[in-house]
């Protein structure tokens, strides 16, 4: 797993993704997914969401494992949904990790920077 590197989109620092770093992240994300799934099951039982909604929620999730080089393959449906066509940017958003197409990330980051600059005035 030593060849996998996450690049900070803010400062371009390369952060090696070691097993010690990735293991707890994977465990945390699994626990959060399971908690969210339990909430969605309860909402379906109360009639707040449909079975079709819940089915789509589960169908869009997949358990993945890194290959021998530490890479993870994204399903084509998820790549298409996210508009990922080439280089991927991994960024944090609070308690979540988001994957962005690099070109789209530049647009999102520029819009966020402009909004943040406007809120300072």
PDB file of N, CA and C in Angstrom:
ATOM      1  N   UNK A   1       0.818  -1.192   0.000  1.00  0.00           N
ATOM      2  CA  UNK A   1       0.000   0.000   0.000  1.00  0.00           C
ATOM      3  C   UNK A   1       0.862   1.256   0.000  1.00  0.00           C
ATOM      4  N   UNK A   2       2.162   1.136   0.030  1.00  0.00           N
ATOM      5  CA  UNK A   2       3.042   2.290   0.145  1.00  0.00           C
ATOM      6  C   UNK A   2       3.071   3.165  -1.106  1.00  0.00           C
ATOM      7  N   UNK A   3       2.611   2.679  -2.258  1.00  0.00           N
ATOM      8  CA  UNK A   3       2.631   3.474  -3.477  1.00  0.00           C
ATOM      9  C   UNK A   3       1.441   4.413  -3.601  1.00  0.00           C
ATOM     10  N   UNK A   4       0.431   4.234  -2.782  1.00  0.00           N
ATOM     11  CA  UNK A   4      -0.773   5.054  -2.875  1.00  0.00           C
ATOM     12  C   UNK A   4      -0.545   6.362  -2.135  1.00  0.00           C
ATOM     13  N   UNK A   5      -0.824   7.457  -2.834  1.00  0.00           N
ATOM     14  CA  UNK A   5      -0.614   8.790  -2.267  1.00  0.00           C
ATOM     15  C   UNK A   5      -1.871   9.608  -2.471  1.00  0.00           C
ATOM     16  N   UNK A   6      -2.290  10.316  -1.444  1.00  0.00           N
ATOM     17  CA  UNK A   6      -3.382  11.277  -1.543  1.00  0.00           C
ATOM     18  C   UNK A   6      -2.738  12.647  -1.594  1.00  0.00           C
ATOM     19  N   UNK A   7      -3.164  13.480  -2.535  1.00  0.00           N
ATOM     20  CA  UNK A   7      -2.622  14.825  -2.656  1.00  0.00           C
ATOM     21  C   UNK A   7      -3.611  15.817  -2.072  1.00  0.00           C
ATOM     22  N   UNK A   8      -3.144  16.630  -1.149  1.00  0.00           N
ATOM     23  CA  UNK A   8      -3.985  17.658  -0.542  1.00  0.00           C
ATOM     24  C   UNK A   8      -4.344  18.679  -1.612  1.00  0.00           C
ATOM     25  N   UNK A   9      -5.648  18.902  -1.866  1.00  0.00           N
ATOM     26  CA  UNK A   9      -6.022  19.846  -2.909  1.00  0.00           C
ATOM     27  C   UNK A   9      -5.717  21.298  -2.534  1.00  0.00           C
ATOM     28  N   UNK A  10      -5.554  21.590  -1.261  1.00  0.00           N
ATOM     29  CA  UNK A  10      -5.295  22.964  -0.836  1.00  0.00           C
ATOM     30  C   UNK A  10      -3.827  23.349  -0.967  1.00  0.00           C
ATOM     31  N   UNK A  11      -2.927  22.422  -0.584  1.00  0.00           N
ATOM     32  CA  UNK A  11      -1.506  22.786  -0.569  1.00  0.00           C
ATOM     33  C   UNK A  11      -0.639  21.891  -1.439  1.00  0.00           C
ATOM     34  N   UNK A  12      -1.228  20.892  -2.080  1.00  0.00           N
ATOM     35  CA  UNK A  12      -0.537  19.960  -2.973  1.00  0.00           C
ATOM     36  C   UNK A  12       0.485  19.075  -2.263  1.00  0.00           C
ATOM     37  N   UNK A  13       0.368  18.941  -0.959  1.00  0.00           N
ATOM     38  CA  UNK A  13       1.248  18.048  -0.211  1.00  0.00           C
ATOM     39  C   UNK A  13       0.853  16.603  -0.492  1.00  0.00           C
ATOM     40  N   UNK A  14       1.827  15.765  -0.794  1.00  0.00           N
ATOM     41  CA  UNK A  14       1.580  14.342  -1.027  1.00  0.00           C
ATOM     42  C   UNK A  14       1.597  13.613   0.308  1.00  0.00           C
ATOM     43  N   UNK A  15       0.530  12.874   0.578  1.00  0.00           N
ATOM     44  CA  UNK A  15       0.402  12.139   1.834  1.00  0.00           C
ATOM     45  C   UNK A  15       0.340  10.657   1.506  1.00  0.00           C
ATOM     46  N   UNK A  16       1.383   9.887   1.877  1.00  0.00           N
ATOM     47  CA  UNK A  16       1.337   8.446   1.602  1.00  0.00           C
ATOM     48  C   UNK A  16       0.204   7.796   2.397  1.00  0.00           C
ATOM     49  N   UNK A  17      -0.609   7.007   1.713  1.00  0.00           N
ATOM     50  CA  UNK A  17      -1.705   6.319   2.371  1.00  0.00           C
ATOM     51  C   UNK A  17      -1.201   4.959   2.825  1.00  0.00           C
ATOM     52  N   UNK A  18      -0.816   4.895   4.061  1.00  0.00           N
ATOM     53  CA  UNK A  18      -0.296   3.651   4.628  1.00  0.00           C
ATOM     54  C   UNK A  18      -1.447   2.804   5.162  1.00  0.00           C
ATOM     55  N   UNK A  19      -1.167   1.556   5.420  1.00  0.00           N
ATOM     56  CA  UNK A  19      -2.186   0.680   5.976  1.00  0.00           C
ATOM     57  C   UNK A  19      -2.632   1.171   7.342  1.00  0.00           C
ATOM     58  N   UNK A  20      -1.708   1.768   8.097  1.00  0.00           N
ATOM     59  CA  UNK A  20      -2.059   2.294   9.411  1.00  0.00           C
ATOM     60  C   UNK A  20      -3.051   3.449   9.300  1.00  0.00           C
ATOM     61  N   UNK A  21      -2.952   4.240   8.240  1.00  0.00           N
ATOM     62  CA  UNK A  21      -3.878   5.345   8.024  1.00  0.00           C
ATOM     63  C   UNK A  21      -5.174   4.860   7.387  1.00  0.00           C
ATOM     64  N   UNK A  22      -5.085   3.996   6.399  1.00  0.00           N
ATOM     65  CA  UNK A  22      -6.266   3.557   5.668  1.00  0.00           C
ATOM     66  C   UNK A  22      -7.157   2.629   6.487  1.00  0.00           C
ATOM     67  N   UNK A  23      -6.563   1.756   7.285  1.00  0.00           N
ATOM     68  CA  UNK A  23      -7.351   0.786   8.053  1.00  0.00           C
ATOM     69  C   UNK A  23      -8.411   1.430   8.926  1.00  0.00           C
ATOM     70  N   UNK A  24      -8.029   2.381   9.780  1.00  0.00           N
ATOM     71  CA  UNK A  24      -9.039   3.050  10.611  1.00  0.00           C
ATOM     72  C   UNK A  24     -10.057   3.842   9.793  1.00  0.00           C
ATOM     73  N   UNK A  25      -9.636   4.428   8.671  1.00  0.00           N
ATOM     74  CA  UNK A  25     -10.573   5.168   7.822  1.00  0.00           C
ATOM     75  C   UNK A  25     -11.627   4.230   7.248  1.00  0.00           C
ATOM     76  N   UNK A  26     -11.182   3.065   6.774  1.00  0.00           N
ATOM     77  CA  UNK A  26     -12.115   2.093   6.211  1.00  0.00           C
ATOM     78  C   UNK A  26     -13.082   1.603   7.291  1.00  0.00           C
ATOM     79  N   UNK A  27     -12.580   1.300   8.475  1.00  0.00           N
ATOM     80  CA  UNK A  27     -13.435   0.828   9.560  1.00  0.00           C
ATOM     81  C   UNK A  27     -14.450   1.893   9.955  1.00  0.00           C
ATOM     82  N   UNK A  28     -14.013   3.140  10.021  1.00  0.00           N
ATOM     83  CA  UNK A  28     -14.918   4.240  10.375  1.00  0.00           C
ATOM     84  C   UNK A  28     -16.000   4.431   9.318  1.00  0.00           C
ATOM     85  N   UNK A  29     -15.619   4.397   8.048  1.00  0.00           N
ATOM     86  CA  UNK A  29     -16.602   4.571   6.985  1.00  0.00           C
ATOM     87  C   UNK A  29     -17.605   3.409   6.964  1.00  0.00           C
ATOM     88  N   UNK A  30     -17.135   2.208   7.235  1.00  0.00           N
ATOM     89  CA  UNK A  30     -18.047   1.057   7.282  1.00  0.00           C
ATOM     90  C   UNK A  30     -19.052   1.224   8.415  1.00  0.00           C
ATOM     91  N   UNK A  31     -18.566   1.650   9.576  1.00  0.00           N
ATOM     92  CA  UNK A  31     -19.462   1.852  10.723  1.00  0.00           C
ATOM     93  C   UNK A  31     -20.493   2.940  10.420  1.00  0.00           C
ATOM     94  N   UNK A  32     -20.064   4.005   9.769  1.00  0.00           N
ATOM     95  CA  UNK A  32     -20.995   5.086   9.421  1.00  0.00           C
ATOM     96  C   UNK A  32     -22.019   4.625   8.394  1.00  0.00           C
ATOM     97  N   UNK A  33     -21.557   3.845   7.417  1.00  0.00           N
ATOM     98  CA  UNK A  33     -22.499   3.332   6.422  1.00  0.00           C
ATOM     99  C   UNK A  33     -23.537   2.442   7.090  1.00  0.00           C
ATOM    100  N   UNK A  34     -23.102   1.558   7.968  1.00  0.00           N
ATOM    101  CA  UNK A  34     -24.033   0.654   8.640  1.00  0.00           C
ATOM    102  C   UNK A  34     -25.027   1.419   9.505  1.00  0.00           C
ATOM    103  N   UNK A  35     -24.572   2.492  10.162  1.00  0.00           N
ATOM    104  CA  UNK A  35     -25.473   3.317  10.962  1.00  0.00           C
ATOM    105  C   UNK A  35     -26.495   4.021  10.066  1.00  0.00           C
ATOM    106  N   UNK A  36     -26.028   4.558   8.939  1.00  0.00           N
ATOM    107  CA  UNK A  36     -26.925   5.227   7.997  1.00  0.00           C
ATOM    108  C   UNK A  36     -27.923   4.227   7.425  1.00  0.00           C
ATOM    109  N   UNK A  37     -27.466   3.032   7.101  1.00  0.00           N
ATOM    110  CA  UNK A  37     -28.354   2.000   6.571  1.00  0.00           C
ATOM    111  C   UNK A  37     -29.439   1.654   7.592  1.00  0.00           C
ATOM    112  N   UNK A  38     -29.066   1.557   8.850  1.00  0.00           N
ATOM    113  CA  UNK A  38     -30.046   1.266   9.898  1.00  0.00           C
ATOM    114  C   UNK A  38     -31.083   2.389   9.997  1.00  0.00           C
ATOM    115  N   UNK A  39     -30.637   3.630   9.886  1.00  0.00           N
ATOM    116  CA  UNK A  39     -31.570   4.768   9.901  1.00  0.00           C
ATOM    117  C   UNK A  39     -32.541   4.692   8.727  1.00  0.00           C
ATOM    118  N   UNK A  40     -32.015   4.341   7.546  1.00  0.00           N
ATOM    119  CA  UNK A  40     -32.858   4.259   6.360  1.00  0.00           C
ATOM    120  C   UNK A  40     -33.867   3.118   6.476  1.00  0.00           C
ATOM    121  N   UNK A  41     -33.451   2.003   7.084  1.00  0.00           N
ATOM    122  CA  UNK A  41     -34.372   0.881   7.311  1.00  0.00           C
ATOM    123  C   UNK A  41     -35.516   1.329   8.222  1.00  0.00           C
ATOM    124  N   UNK A  42     -35.188   2.099   9.259  1.00  0.00           N
ATOM    125  CA  UNK A  42     -36.213   2.605  10.181  1.00  0.00           C
ATOM    126  C   UNK A  42     -37.151   3.569   9.462  1.00  0.00           C
ATOM    127  N   UNK A  43     -36.616   4.437   8.615  1.00  0.00           N
ATOM    128  CA  UNK A  43     -37.447   5.377   7.857  1.00  0.00           C
ATOM    129  C   UNK A  43     -38.394   4.630   6.920  1.00  0.00           C
ATOM    130  N   UNK A  44     -37.901   3.554   6.306  1.00  0.00           N
ATOM    131  CA  UNK A  44     -38.765   2.770   5.431  1.00  0.00           C
ATOM    132  C   UNK A  44     -39.884   2.129   6.249  1.00  0.00           C
ATOM    133  N   UNK A  45     -39.546   1.596   7.423  1.00  0.00           N
ATOM    134  CA  UNK A  45     -40.548   0.954   8.271  1.00  0.00           C
ATOM    135  C   UNK A  45     -41.634   1.944   8.702  1.00  0.00           C
ATOM    136  N   UNK A  46     -41.266   3.220   8.869  1.00  0.00           N
ATOM    137  CA  UNK A  46     -42.237   4.253   9.254  1.00  0.00           C
ATOM    138  C   UNK A  46     -42.968   4.851   8.047  1.00  0.00           C
ATOM    139  N   UNK A  47     -42.576   4.436   6.840  1.00  0.00           N
ATOM    140  CA  UNK A  47     -43.216   4.945   5.640  1.00  0.00           C
ATOM    141  C   UNK A  47     -42.682   6.296   5.184  1.00  0.00           C
ATOM    142  N   UNK A  48     -41.528   6.717   5.705  1.00  0.00           N
ATOM    143  CA  UNK A  48     -40.954   8.016   5.345  1.00  0.00           C
ATOM    144  C   UNK A  48     -40.201   7.957   4.015  1.00  0.00           C
ATOM    145  N   UNK A  49     -39.726   6.790   3.656  1.00  0.00           N
ATOM    146  CA  UNK A  49     -39.089   6.584   2.355  1.00  0.00           C
ATOM    147  C   UNK A  49     -39.633   5.291   1.774  1.00  0.00           C
ATOM    148  N   UNK A  50     -39.554   5.167   0.475  1.00  0.00           N
ATOM    149  CA  UNK A  50     -40.096   3.981  -0.190  1.00  0.00           C
ATOM    150  C   UNK A  50     -39.073   2.852  -0.237  1.00  0.00           C
ATOM    151  N   UNK A  51     -39.568   1.670  -0.512  1.00  0.00           N
ATOM    152  CA  UNK A  51     -38.682   0.519  -0.710  1.00  0.00           C
ATOM    153  C   UNK A  51     -37.778   0.755  -1.914  1.00  0.00           C
ATOM    154  N   UNK A  52     -38.308   1.430  -2.943  1.00  0.00           N
ATOM    155  CA  UNK A  52     -37.505   1.726  -4.132  1.00  0.00           C
ATOM    156  C   UNK A  52     -36.330   2.640  -3.770  1.00  0.00           C
ATOM    157  N   UNK A  53     -36.576   3.632  -2.914  1.00  0.00           N
ATOM    158  CA  UNK A  53     -35.507   4.532  -2.482  1.00  0.00           C
ATOM    159  C   UNK A  53     -34.428   3.740  -1.758  1.00  0.00           C
ATOM    160  N   UNK A  54     -34.852   2.884  -0.841  1.00  0.00           N
ATOM    161  CA  UNK A  54     -33.906   2.089  -0.057  1.00  0.00           C
ATOM    162  C   UNK A  54     -33.138   1.119  -0.955  1.00  0.00           C
ATOM    163  N   UNK A  55     -33.821   0.526  -1.908  1.00  0.00           N
ATOM    164  CA  UNK A  55     -33.175  -0.387  -2.848  1.00  0.00           C
ATOM    165  C   UNK A  55     -32.088   0.342  -3.636  1.00  0.00           C
ATOM    166  N   UNK A  56     -32.375   1.556  -4.080  1.00  0.00           N
ATOM    167  CA  UNK A  56     -31.398   2.359  -4.820  1.00  0.00           C
ATOM    168  C   UNK A  56     -30.216   2.734  -3.926  1.00  0.00           C
ATOM    169  N   UNK A  57     -30.495   3.063  -2.675  1.00  0.00           N
ATOM    170  CA  UNK A  57     -29.441   3.375  -1.704  1.00  0.00           C
ATOM    171  C   UNK A  57     -28.461   2.205  -1.603  1.00  0.00           C
ATOM    172  N   UNK A  58     -28.986   0.998  -1.412  1.00  0.00           N
ATOM    173  CA  UNK A  58     -28.118  -0.173  -1.297  1.00  0.00           C
ATOM    174  C   UNK A  58     -27.431  -0.513  -2.615  1.00  0.00           C
ATOM    175  N   UNK A  59     -28.129  -0.346  -3.711  1.00  0.00           N
ATOM    176  CA  UNK A  59     -27.563  -0.706  -5.017  1.00  0.00           C
ATOM    177  C   UNK A  59     -26.397   0.204  -5.399  1.00  0.00           C
ATOM    178  N   UNK A  60     -26.375   1.415  -4.874  1.00  0.00           N
ATOM    179  CA  UNK A  60     -25.300   2.341  -5.226  1.00  0.00           C
ATOM    180  C   UNK A  60     -24.086   2.199  -4.324  1.00  0.00           C
ATOM    181  N   UNK A  61     -24.153   1.330  -3.344  1.00  0.00           N
ATOM    182  CA  UNK A  61     -23.037   1.115  -2.430  1.00  0.00           C
ATOM    183  C   UNK A  61     -22.316  -0.178  -2.796  1.00  0.00           C
ATOM    184  N   UNK A  62     -21.008  -0.178  -2.592  1.00  0.00           N
ATOM    185  CA  UNK A  62     -20.263  -1.406  -2.834  1.00  0.00           C
ATOM    186  C   UNK A  62     -19.065  -1.466  -1.900  1.00  0.00           C
ATOM    187  N   UNK A  63     -18.763  -2.658  -1.479  1.00  0.00           N
ATOM    188  CA  UNK A  63     -17.585  -2.897  -0.657  1.00  0.00           C
ATOM    189  C   UNK A  63     -16.427  -3.160  -1.600  1.00  0.00           C
ATOM    190  N   UNK A  64     -15.361  -2.408  -1.454  1.00  0.00           N
ATOM    191  CA  UNK A  64     -14.208  -2.565  -2.327  1.00  0.00           C
ATOM    192  C   UNK A  64     -12.975  -2.865  -1.496  1.00  0.00           C
ATOM    193  N   UNK A  65     -12.018  -3.519  -2.114  1.00  0.00           N
ATOM    194  CA  UNK A  65     -10.753  -3.820  -1.454  1.00  0.00           C
ATOM    195  C   UNK A  65      -9.620  -3.330  -2.345  1.00  0.00           C
ATOM    196  N   UNK A  66      -8.594  -2.763  -1.745  1.00  0.00           N
ATOM    197  CA  UNK A  66      -7.453  -2.315  -2.558  1.00  0.00           C
ATOM    198  C   UNK A  66      -6.742  -3.492  -3.207  1.00  0.00           C
ATOM    199  N   UNK A  67      -6.178  -3.254  -4.402  1.00  0.00           N
ATOM    200  CA  UNK A  67      -5.378  -4.287  -5.054  1.00  0.00           C
ATOM    201  C   UNK A  67      -3.974  -4.282  -4.439  1.00  0.00           C
ATOM    202  N   UNK A  68      -3.069  -5.049  -5.002  1.00  0.00           N
ATOM    203  CA  UNK A  68      -1.729  -5.186  -4.420  1.00  0.00           C
ATOM    204  C   UNK A  68      -0.939  -3.881  -4.423  1.00  0.00           C
ATOM    205  N   UNK A  69      -1.360  -2.911  -5.239  1.00  0.00           N
ATOM    206  CA  UNK A  69      -0.698  -1.605  -5.269  1.00  0.00           C
ATOM    207  C   UNK A  69      -1.466  -0.559  -4.474  1.00  0.00           C
ATOM    208  N   UNK A  70      -2.520  -0.983  -3.777  1.00  0.00           N
ATOM    209  CA  UNK A  70      -3.282  -0.065  -2.949  1.00  0.00           C
ATOM    210  C   UNK A  70      -4.345   0.724  -3.688  1.00  0.00           C
ATOM    211  N   UNK A  71      -4.613   0.364  -4.942  1.00  0.00           N
ATOM    212  CA  UNK A  71      -5.613   1.082  -5.733  1.00  0.00           C
ATOM    213  C   UNK A  71      -6.991   0.473  -5.513  1.00  0.00           C
ATOM    214  N   UNK A  72      -8.002   1.306  -5.658  1.00  0.00           N
ATOM    215  CA  UNK A  72      -9.386   0.863  -5.533  1.00  0.00           C
ATOM    216  C   UNK A  72     -10.109   1.227  -6.821  1.00  0.00           C
ATOM    217  N   UNK A  73     -10.802   0.269  -7.397  1.00  0.00           N
ATOM    218  CA  UNK A  73     -11.557   0.516  -8.629  1.00  0.00           C
ATOM    219  C   UNK A  73     -12.954   1.015  -8.276  1.00  0.00           C
ATOM    220  N   UNK A  74     -13.363   2.098  -8.913  1.00  0.00           N
ATOM    221  CA  UNK A  74     -14.717   2.605  -8.748  1.00  0.00           C
ATOM    222  C   UNK A  74     -15.602   2.000  -9.832  1.00  0.00           C
ATOM    223  N   UNK A  75     -16.817   1.630  -9.451  1.00  0.00           N
ATOM    224  CA  UNK A  75     -17.764   1.092 -10.429  1.00  0.00           C
ATOM    225  C   UNK A  75     -18.031   2.145 -11.493  1.00  0.00           C
ATOM    226  N   UNK A  76     -18.263   1.700 -12.705  1.00  0.00           N
ATOM    227  CA  UNK A  76     -18.536   2.614 -13.819  1.00  0.00           C
ATOM    228  C   UNK A  76     -19.714   3.530 -13.511  1.00  0.00           C
ATOM    229  N   UNK A  77     -20.754   2.998 -12.873  1.00  0.00           N
ATOM    230  CA  UNK A  77     -21.929   3.808 -12.550  1.00  0.00           C
ATOM    231  C   UNK A  77     -21.560   4.968 -11.628  1.00  0.00           C
ATOM    232  N   UNK A  78     -20.691   4.707 -10.660  1.00  0.00           N
ATOM    233  CA  UNK A  78     -20.275   5.764  -9.736  1.00  0.00           C
ATOM    234  C   UNK A  78     -19.378   6.782 -10.434  1.00  0.00           C
ATOM    235  N   UNK A  79     -18.473   6.303 -11.304  1.00  0.00           N
ATOM    236  CA  UNK A  79     -17.629   7.226 -12.071  1.00  0.00           C
ATOM    237  C   UNK A  79     -18.485   8.123 -12.950  1.00  0.00           C
ATOM    238  N   UNK A  80     -19.471   7.529 -13.620  1.00  0.00           N
ATOM    239  CA  UNK A  80     -20.361   8.302 -14.485  1.00  0.00           C
ATOM    240  C   UNK A  80     -21.159   9.322 -13.669  1.00  0.00           C
ATOM    241  N   UNK A  81     -21.701   8.884 -12.536  1.00  0.00           N
ATOM    242  CA  UNK A  81     -22.494   9.768 -11.680  1.00  0.00           C
ATOM    243  C   UNK A  81     -21.667  10.963 -11.214  1.00  0.00           C
ATOM    244  N   UNK A  82     -20.403  10.706 -10.859  1.00  0.00           N
ATOM    245  CA  UNK A  82     -19.521  11.762 -10.357  1.00  0.00           C
ATOM    246  C   UNK A  82     -18.830  12.531 -11.476  1.00  0.00           C
ATOM    247  N   UNK A  83     -18.973  12.081 -12.709  1.00  0.00           N
ATOM    248  CA  UNK A  83     -18.325  12.758 -13.824  1.00  0.00           C
ATOM    249  C   UNK A  83     -16.815  12.570 -13.828  1.00  0.00           C
ATOM    250  N   UNK A  84     -16.344  11.479 -13.252  1.00  0.00           N
ATOM    251  CA  UNK A  84     -14.906  11.221 -13.188  1.00  0.00           C
ATOM    252  C   UNK A  84     -14.448  10.613 -14.507  1.00  0.00           C
ATOM    253  N   UNK A  85     -13.535  11.319 -15.171  1.00  0.00           N
ATOM    254  CA  UNK A  85     -13.054  10.857 -16.477  1.00  0.00           C
ATOM    255  C   UNK A  85     -11.550  10.634 -16.503  1.00  0.00           C
ATOM    256  N   UNK A  86     -10.852  11.062 -15.492  1.00  0.00           N
ATOM    257  CA  UNK A  86      -9.390  10.933 -15.493  1.00  0.00           C
ATOM    258  C   UNK A  86      -8.851  10.993 -14.079  1.00  0.00           C
ATOM    259  N   UNK A  87      -8.047  12.005 -13.821  1.00  0.00           N
ATOM    260  CA  UNK A  87      -7.430  12.169 -12.511  1.00  0.00           C
ATOM    261  C   UNK A  87      -8.488  12.425 -11.451  1.00  0.00           C
ATOM    262  N   UNK A  88      -8.305  11.794 -10.293  1.00  0.00           N
ATOM    263  CA  UNK A  88      -9.254  11.905  -9.182  1.00  0.00           C
ATOM    264  C   UNK A  88      -8.627  12.709  -8.055  1.00  0.00           C
ATOM    265  N   UNK A  89      -9.419  13.585  -7.474  1.00  0.00           N
ATOM    266  CA  UNK A  89      -9.028  14.335  -6.284  1.00  0.00           C
ATOM    267  C   UNK A  89      -9.818  13.765  -5.115  1.00  0.00           C
ATOM    268  N   UNK A  90      -9.127  13.385  -4.056  1.00  0.00           N
ATOM    269  CA  UNK A  90      -9.783  12.946  -2.821  1.00  0.00           C
ATOM    270  C   UNK A  90      -9.700  14.104  -1.845  1.00  0.00           C
ATOM    271  N   UNK A  91     -10.835  14.514  -1.325  1.00  0.00           N
ATOM    272  CA  UNK A  91     -10.869  15.647  -0.404  1.00  0.00           C
ATOM    273  C   UNK A  91     -11.825  15.342   0.740  1.00  0.00           C
ATOM    274  N   UNK A  92     -11.589  15.962   1.857  1.00  0.00           N
ATOM    275  CA  UNK A  92     -12.457  15.775   3.014  1.00  0.00           C
ATOM    276  C   UNK A  92     -13.556  16.822   3.030  1.00  0.00           C
ATOM    277  N   UNK A  93     -14.713  16.415   3.524  1.00  0.00           N
ATOM    278  CA  UNK A  93     -15.821  17.344   3.732  1.00  0.00           C
ATOM    279  C   UNK A  93     -16.442  16.980   5.065  1.00  0.00           C
ATOM    280  N   UNK A  94     -15.895  17.590   6.113  1.00  0.00           N
ATOM    281  CA  UNK A  94     -16.367  17.241   7.453  1.00  0.00           C
ATOM    282  C   UNK A  94     -16.002  15.808   7.783  1.00  0.00           C
ATOM    283  N   UNK A  95     -17.006  14.983   7.986  1.00  0.00           N
ATOM    284  CA  UNK A  95     -16.769  13.582   8.351  1.00  0.00           C
ATOM    285  C   UNK A  95     -16.698  12.667   7.144  1.00  0.00           C
ATOM    286  N   UNK A  96     -16.731  13.205   5.932  1.00  0.00           N
ATOM    287  CA  UNK A  96     -16.787  12.388   4.733  1.00  0.00           C
ATOM    288  C   UNK A  96     -15.580  12.609   3.851  1.00  0.00           C
ATOM    289  N   UNK A  97     -15.284  11.626   3.034  1.00  0.00           N
ATOM    290  CA  UNK A  97     -14.276  11.755   1.994  1.00  0.00           C
ATOM    291  C   UNK A  97     -15.032  11.815   0.678  1.00  0.00           C
ATOM    292  N   UNK A  98     -14.677  12.781  -0.163  1.00  0.00           N
ATOM    293  CA  UNK A  98     -15.304  12.904  -1.469  1.00  0.00           C
ATOM    294  C   UNK A  98     -14.272  12.677  -2.554  1.00  0.00           C
ATOM    295  N   UNK A  99     -14.689  12.047  -3.635  1.00  0.00           N
ATOM    296  CA  UNK A  99     -13.850  11.850  -4.813  1.00  0.00           C
ATOM    297  C   UNK A  99     -14.403  12.711  -5.931  1.00  0.00           C
ATOM    298  N   UNK A 100     -13.530  13.507  -6.555  1.00  0.00           N
ATOM    299  CA  UNK A 100     -13.931  14.435  -7.607  1.00  0.00           C
ATOM    300  C   UNK A 100     -13.066  14.243  -8.839  1.00  0.00           C
ATOM    301  N   UNK A 101     -13.640  14.452  -9.993  1.00  0.00           N
ATOM    302  CA  UNK A 101     -12.862  14.595 -11.208  1.00  0.00           C
ATOM    303  C   UNK A 101     -12.014  15.854 -11.014  1.00  0.00           C
ATOM    304  N   UNK A 102     -10.736  15.794 -11.371  1.00  0.00           N
ATOM    305  CA  UNK A 102      -9.819  16.907 -11.093  1.00  0.00           C
ATOM    306  C   UNK A 102     -10.290  18.219 -11.710  1.00  0.00           C
ATOM    307  N   UNK A 103     -10.773  18.180 -12.947  1.00  0.00           N
ATOM    308  CA  UNK A 103     -11.237  19.408 -13.601  1.00  0.00           C
ATOM    309  C   UNK A 103     -12.466  19.974 -12.893  1.00  0.00           C
ATOM    310  N   UNK A 104     -13.395  19.096 -12.553  1.00  0.00           N
ATOM    311  CA  UNK A 104     -14.610  19.543 -11.843  1.00  0.00           C
ATOM    312  C   UNK A 104     -14.244  20.078 -10.467  1.00  0.00           C
ATOM    313  N   UNK A 105     -13.280  19.450  -9.790  1.00  0.00           N
ATOM    314  CA  UNK A 105     -12.860  19.923  -8.475  1.00  0.00           C
ATOM    315  C   UNK A 105     -12.334  21.356  -8.551  1.00  0.00           C
ATOM    316  N   UNK A 106     -11.575  21.669  -9.595  1.00  0.00           N
ATOM    317  CA  UNK A 106     -11.052  23.028  -9.742  1.00  0.00           C
ATOM    318  C   UNK A 106     -12.207  24.037  -9.801  1.00  0.00           C
ATOM    319  N   UNK A 107     -13.284  23.687 -10.500  1.00  0.00           N
ATOM    320  CA  UNK A 107     -14.451  24.570 -10.589  1.00  0.00           C
ATOM    321  C   UNK A 107     -15.136  24.721  -9.229  1.00  0.00           C
ATOM    322  N   UNK A 108     -15.314  23.600  -8.544  1.00  0.00           N
ATOM    323  CA  UNK A 108     -15.968  23.618  -7.235  1.00  0.00           C
ATOM    324  C   UNK A 108     -15.120  24.401  -6.235  1.00  0.00           C
ATOM    325  N   UNK A 109     -13.810  24.168  -6.273  1.00  0.00           N
ATOM    326  CA  UNK A 109     -12.901  24.859  -5.363  1.00  0.00           C
ATOM    327  C   UNK A 109     -12.904  26.365  -5.622  1.00  0.00           C
ATOM    328  N   UNK A 110     -12.902  26.772  -6.885  1.00  0.00           N
ATOM    329  CA  UNK A 110     -12.925  28.196  -7.226  1.00  0.00           C
ATOM    330  C   UNK A 110     -14.215  28.851  -6.726  1.00  0.00           C
ATOM    331  N   UNK A 111     -15.332  28.164  -6.908  1.00  0.00           N
ATOM    332  CA  UNK A 111     -16.612  28.699  -6.429  1.00  0.00           C
ATOM    333  C   UNK A 111     -16.607  28.812  -4.909  1.00  0.00           C
ATOM    334  N   UNK A 112     -16.067  27.800  -4.231  1.00  0.00           N
ATOM    335  CA  UNK A 112     -15.980  27.836  -2.774  1.00  0.00           C
ATOM    336  C   UNK A 112     -15.061  28.941  -2.282  1.00  0.00           C
ATOM    337  N   UNK A 113     -13.927  29.113  -2.962  1.00  0.00           N
ATOM    338  CA  UNK A 113     -12.996  30.186  -2.602  1.00  0.00           C
ATOM    339  C   UNK A 113     -13.665  31.548  -2.743  1.00  0.00           C
ATOM    340  N   UNK A 114     -14.410  31.745  -3.848  1.00  0.00           N
ATOM    341  CA  UNK A 114     -15.097  33.016  -4.078  1.00  0.00           C
ATOM    342  C   UNK A 114     -16.156  33.265  -3.006  1.00  0.00           C
ATOM    343  N   UNK A 115     -16.902  32.214  -2.655  1.00  0.00           N
ATOM    344  CA  UNK A 115     -17.926  32.347  -1.627  1.00  0.00           C
ATOM    345  C   UNK A 115     -17.300  32.674  -0.274  1.00  0.00           C
ATOM    346  N   UNK A 116     -16.215  31.993   0.052  1.00  0.00           N
ATOM    347  CA  UNK A 116     -15.523  32.237   1.314  1.00  0.00           C
ATOM    348  C   UNK A 116     -14.973  33.664   1.350  1.00  0.00           C
ATOM    349  N   UNK A 117     -14.375  34.126   0.247  1.00  0.00           N
ATOM    350  CA  UNK A 117     -13.853  35.483   0.196  1.00  0.00           C
ATOM    351  C   UNK A 117     -14.967  36.503   0.363  1.00  0.00           C
ATOM    352  N   UNK A 118     -16.116  36.243  -0.221  1.00  0.00           N
ATOM    353  CA  UNK A 118     -17.264  37.155  -0.093  1.00  0.00           C
ATOM    354  C   UNK A 118     -17.806  37.215   1.319  1.00  0.00           C
ATOM    355  N   UNK A 119     -17.720  36.105   2.049  1.00  0.00           N
ATOM    356  CA  UNK A 119     -18.256  36.088   3.426  1.00  0.00           C
ATOM    357  C   UNK A 119     -17.321  36.797   4.393  1.00  0.00           C
ATOM    358  N   UNK A 120     -16.093  37.023   3.986  1.00  0.00           N
ATOM    359  CA  UNK A 120     -15.135  37.732   4.851  1.00  0.00           C
ATOM    360  C   UNK A 120     -15.345  39.234   4.819  1.00  0.00           C
ATOM    361  N   UNK A 121     -16.017  39.726   3.779  1.00  0.00           N
ATOM    362  CA  UNK A 121     -16.203  41.184   3.624  1.00  0.00           C
ATOM    363  C   UNK A 121     -17.375  41.691   4.407  1.00  0.00           C
TER     364      UNK A 121
END
